[in-house]
Amino acid sequence: MPYKARTESNEIQILRVLNSRMSLTENERQHYFNLKKGYEGEVMFDFLTEKLQCDCLILNDLLLQQNNTTFQIDSLIITSETIYVFEVKNFEGDYYYESDRLYRNPNSEITNPLTQLTRSESLLRQLLKSLGFNITIKASVVFINPEFTLYQAPLNKPFIFPTQINRFLNKLNLIPSKLIKKQHMILQTS
């Protein structure tokens, strides 16, 4: 069970109401559907993580600040040894990876989710260090949609694909873990 559950953002709620009451521009409508689809993917991942049996704490939809910089984390799982950070993407269709860039076929570059993940991981590490915590952080991009394909996916990048999610979570369940006071203190300070 998550320690912090996910809630739909105010922006999605406002855009849903506006979409039902007026004609949004094409850009506004596309933005709304992208936000909604992203939220739906995060909820799908939450459904899977809620089934975890390991002794861990699950925090969803975090908005944190370090050095006057705000950053967002989709999902975070704290075990006794490691904090797992997840950037969840609900991409659908065919994509390919080339020269550290992500493209949607044909030849349309999109923002690489690893960029946001690396930023969030770094800021989280700095935040924890400033609070006196030294714990391993493992960050991954989770592609939740079963209709997603990434061609030329590098093996050395922290990607978890739809067919790998259950296996990854099963490995988490096998971690012998007893949360200690230190992990609960992290929650109280964030």
Protein backbone atom coordinates (compact mmCIF):
# COMPACT_ATOMS: atom_id res chain seq x y z
CA MET A 1 0.00 0.00 0.00
CA PRO A 2 1.40 3.39 -0.92
CA TYR A 3 2.45 5.76 1.81
CA LYS A 4 1.54 8.62 -0.52
CA ALA A 5 -1.17 7.97 -3.10
CA ARG A 6 -1.39 9.66 -6.49
CA THR A 7 -4.00 12.30 -7.21
CA GLU A 8 -5.03 13.77 -10.52
CA SER A 9 -3.38 17.15 -11.09
CA ASN A 10 -5.36 20.38 -10.97
CA GLU A 11 -4.30 21.04 -14.56
CA ILE A 12 -5.92 17.81 -15.79
CA GLN A 13 -9.09 18.53 -13.82
CA ILE A 14 -9.33 22.08 -15.19
CA LEU A 15 -8.62 20.99 -18.78
CA ARG A 16 -11.24 18.22 -18.52
CA VAL A 17 -13.90 20.73 -17.47
CA LEU A 18 -12.84 23.23 -20.13
CA ASN A 19 -12.80 20.50 -22.80
CA SER A 20 -16.38 19.54 -21.96
CA ARG A 21 -17.63 23.15 -21.93
CA MET A 22 -15.80 24.83 -24.79
CA SER A 23 -13.71 24.20 -27.86
CA LEU A 24 -10.07 23.96 -26.89
CA THR A 25 -7.47 24.80 -29.50
CA GLU A 26 -5.79 21.81 -31.10
CA ASN A 27 -2.63 22.46 -29.03
CA GLU A 28 -4.63 22.72 -25.78
CA ARG A 29 -6.58 19.55 -26.58
CA GLN A 30 -3.38 17.66 -27.43
CA HIS A 31 -1.76 18.89 -24.21
CA TYR A 32 -4.81 17.72 -22.22
CA PHE A 33 -4.80 14.27 -23.83
CA ASN A 34 -1.04 13.90 -23.28
CA LEU A 35 -1.38 14.81 -19.59
CA LYS A 36 -4.35 12.47 -19.21
CA LYS A 37 -2.54 9.59 -20.92
CA GLY A 38 0.54 10.15 -18.76
CA TYR A 39 -1.59 10.11 -15.61
CA GLU A 40 -3.32 6.91 -16.73
CA GLY A 41 0.09 5.27 -17.22
CA GLU A 42 1.19 6.32 -13.74
CA VAL A 43 -2.02 4.86 -12.28
CA MET A 44 -1.33 1.58 -14.12
CA PHE A 45 2.14 1.45 -12.54
CA ASP A 46 0.63 2.25 -9.12
CA PHE A 47 -1.73 -0.70 -9.52
CA LEU A 48 1.27 -2.99 -10.05
CA THR A 49 3.36 -1.57 -7.20
CA GLU A 50 0.43 -1.86 -4.76
CA LYS A 51 0.81 -5.64 -5.07
CA LEU A 52 4.37 -5.58 -3.73
CA GLN A 53 4.81 -7.79 -0.68
CA CYS A 54 8.27 -6.57 0.30
CA ASP A 55 8.87 -4.40 3.34
CA CYS A 56 9.01 -1.09 1.50
CA LEU A 57 7.47 2.35 1.38
CA ILE A 58 5.84 3.57 -1.83
CA LEU A 59 5.51 7.28 -2.52
CA ASN A 60 3.78 8.50 -5.65
CA ASP A 61 3.65 11.85 -7.41
CA LEU A 62 6.27 13.67 -5.35
CA LEU A 63 7.03 17.34 -5.80
CA LEU A 64 10.27 18.18 -4.00
CA GLN A 65 12.65 21.12 -3.83
CA GLN A 66 16.44 21.31 -3.53
CA ASN A 67 18.49 24.50 -3.81
CA ASN A 68 15.45 26.49 -5.00
CA THR A 69 14.89 23.93 -7.76
CA THR A 70 11.59 22.07 -7.85
CA PHE A 71 11.57 18.54 -9.22
CA GLN A 72 8.95 15.86 -9.66
CA ILE A 73 9.19 12.09 -9.17
CA ASP A 74 6.45 9.83 -10.55
CA SER A 75 7.04 6.93 -8.15
CA LEU A 76 9.58 6.16 -5.47
CA ILE A 77 10.06 2.93 -3.52
CA ILE A 78 12.16 2.90 -0.37
CA THR A 79 13.68 -0.37 0.85
CA SER A 80 16.19 -0.81 3.66
CA GLU A 81 19.17 -0.59 1.28
CA THR A 82 17.99 1.34 -1.76
CA ILE A 83 15.64 4.05 -2.99
CA TYR A 84 14.16 3.22 -6.40
CA VAL A 85 13.08 6.20 -8.51
CA PHE A 86 10.73 5.66 -11.45
CA GLU A 87 9.88 7.96 -14.34
CA VAL A 88 6.76 6.37 -15.87
CA LYS A 89 5.99 6.84 -19.57
CA ASN A 90 2.79 5.74 -21.27
CA PHE A 91 4.15 6.05 -24.80
CA GLU A 92 2.37 4.07 -27.49
CA GLY A 93 3.62 3.02 -30.91
CA ASP A 94 7.04 2.64 -32.50
CA TYR A 95 10.05 4.62 -31.28
CA TYR A 96 13.76 4.29 -31.82
CA TYR A 97 16.85 5.30 -29.87
CA GLU A 98 19.89 6.76 -31.59
CA SER A 99 22.84 8.80 -30.27
CA ASP A 100 21.20 9.37 -26.87
CA ARG A 101 18.08 10.70 -28.57
CA LEU A 102 14.59 9.26 -28.68
CA TYR A 103 12.49 9.44 -31.84
CA ARG A 104 8.93 8.57 -32.63
CA ASN A 105 8.75 7.04 -36.07
CA PRO A 106 9.20 8.59 -38.55
CA ASN A 107 12.08 10.89 -37.55
CA SER A 108 10.27 12.98 -34.94
CA GLU A 109 12.56 13.64 -31.96
CA ILE A 110 10.92 13.75 -28.55
CA THR A 111 12.35 14.72 -25.18
CA ASN A 112 14.43 11.87 -23.84
CA PRO A 113 12.90 10.75 -20.51
CA LEU A 114 16.41 9.92 -19.28
CA THR A 115 17.10 13.66 -19.14
CA GLN A 116 14.35 14.24 -16.58
CA LEU A 117 15.24 11.03 -14.73
CA THR A 118 18.91 12.02 -14.39
CA ARG A 119 17.93 15.48 -13.15
CA SER A 120 15.48 14.09 -10.58
CA GLU A 121 17.95 11.47 -9.39
CA SER A 122 20.70 14.06 -8.92
CA LEU A 123 18.45 16.51 -7.07
CA LEU A 124 17.09 13.74 -4.84
CA ARG A 125 20.62 12.63 -3.99
CA GLN A 126 21.56 16.23 -3.11
CA LEU A 127 18.41 16.62 -1.00
CA LEU A 128 19.03 13.41 0.92
CA LYS A 129 22.67 14.33 1.49
CA SER A 130 21.67 17.77 2.80
CA LEU A 131 19.37 16.00 5.27
CA GLY A 132 22.16 13.66 6.38
CA PHE A 133 21.04 10.52 4.54
CA ASN A 134 23.40 8.39 2.49
CA ILE A 135 21.45 5.67 0.69
CA THR A 136 21.83 4.09 -2.74
CA ILE A 137 19.50 5.45 -5.43
CA LYS A 138 18.57 3.41 -8.50
CA ALA A 139 16.57 5.27 -11.12
CA SER A 140 14.71 3.82 -14.10
CA VAL A 141 12.36 4.85 -16.86
CA VAL A 142 9.34 2.54 -16.94
CA PHE A 143 7.55 2.20 -20.26
CA ILE A 144 4.16 0.98 -19.04
CA ASN A 145 2.17 0.69 -22.27
CA PRO A 146 2.14 -2.83 -23.80
CA GLU A 147 1.74 -1.22 -27.24
CA PHE A 148 5.16 0.49 -26.95
CA THR A 149 8.21 -0.64 -28.92
CA LEU A 150 11.68 0.90 -28.72
CA TYR A 151 13.98 -0.09 -31.55
CA GLN A 152 17.75 0.01 -31.06
CA ALA A 153 17.25 0.13 -27.30
CA PRO A 154 20.66 0.29 -25.62
CA LEU A 155 21.29 -2.37 -23.00
CA ASN A 156 23.21 0.02 -20.75
CA LYS A 157 20.33 2.46 -20.14
CA PRO A 158 17.98 2.14 -17.15
CA PHE A 159 14.88 1.26 -19.16
CA ILE A 160 12.20 -1.13 -17.93
CA PHE A 161 9.98 -2.26 -20.79
CA PRO A 162 6.38 -3.53 -20.50
CA THR A 163 7.45 -7.17 -20.68
CA GLN A 164 10.02 -6.63 -17.90
CA ILE A 165 7.90 -4.82 -15.29
CA ASN A 166 6.49 -7.88 -13.51
CA ARG A 167 9.91 -9.53 -13.40
CA PHE A 168 11.45 -6.35 -11.94
CA LEU A 169 8.76 -6.08 -9.26
CA ASN A 170 9.12 -9.79 -8.44
CA LYS A 171 12.84 -9.17 -7.81
CA LEU A 172 11.91 -6.35 -5.44
CA ASN A 173 9.68 -8.78 -3.56
CA LEU A 174 12.67 -11.07 -3.03
CA ILE A 175 14.77 -8.40 -1.31
CA PRO A 176 15.04 -9.30 2.37
CA SER A 177 14.27 -5.99 3.96
CA LYS A 178 13.39 -4.54 7.28
CA LEU A 179 12.74 -0.87 7.14
CA ILE A 180 14.39 0.91 9.98
CA LYS A 181 13.89 4.23 11.65
CA LYS A 182 16.19 5.94 9.12
CA GLN A 183 13.85 5.20 6.19
CA HIS A 184 10.83 6.47 8.12
CA MET A 185 12.78 9.62 9.00
CA ILE A 186 13.30 10.27 5.28
CA LEU A 187 9.53 10.45 4.91
CA GLN A 188 9.14 12.89 7.76
CA THR A 189 11.75 15.28 6.36
CA SER A 190 10.48 15.31 2.77
